[in-house]
Amino acid sequence: MKLLSRKAIPGSSLGSSIRFSQPLCSKGTRETTRSRIWRWLIDMNRTSNLLWLCGPAGAGTTTVAQDIAKRCKNQGWLGAAFFFSRSNHEEPDPTRIILSIVHQLAITYSAYKERVTPLLDQDLSILEEAIDDQFDRLIVEP
């Protein structure tokens, strides 16, 4: 877990100090967007498991995403969340996104940690694999 922790991108999780300072949506703001996302989340008959929230810089997409992630966490539904941050000046490495999510999932779910830890103990090259291989081996398969 220590190696995985070092490979994770600092400040990318919902609870990080970088994220913590970000405001949630103020009461009465972005209600239509948040309501639509929440309805999509709880709709077990939805046609897609992916919702893409996009907008120009400064439009509040990160604030909306953080607000929804916080609500999901409060419901016990959030395994992991990844937020990009302008204040993180490290060179972006796409493989570290998956490793950051894996790290969060391992912290959140002990059963998941028990399945992933042996994989990493047996084959550290997973940490350097292509992002799609990491996704399959560390998220889909366990």
Foldseek 3Di string as FASTA:
>chain_A
DVVLVVLAQQPFWCPHPVNVPDAADDPPPPVVVLVVVVVQVVPPPDPDPDDDQDDDPPPCSSNSVSNVLVVCVVVVNDQTGTDDDPVRPDDDDLLNNLSNSLVSNVVSDVVLVVVQVVVCVVDVCLSVDDNVSVCCVRPVPD
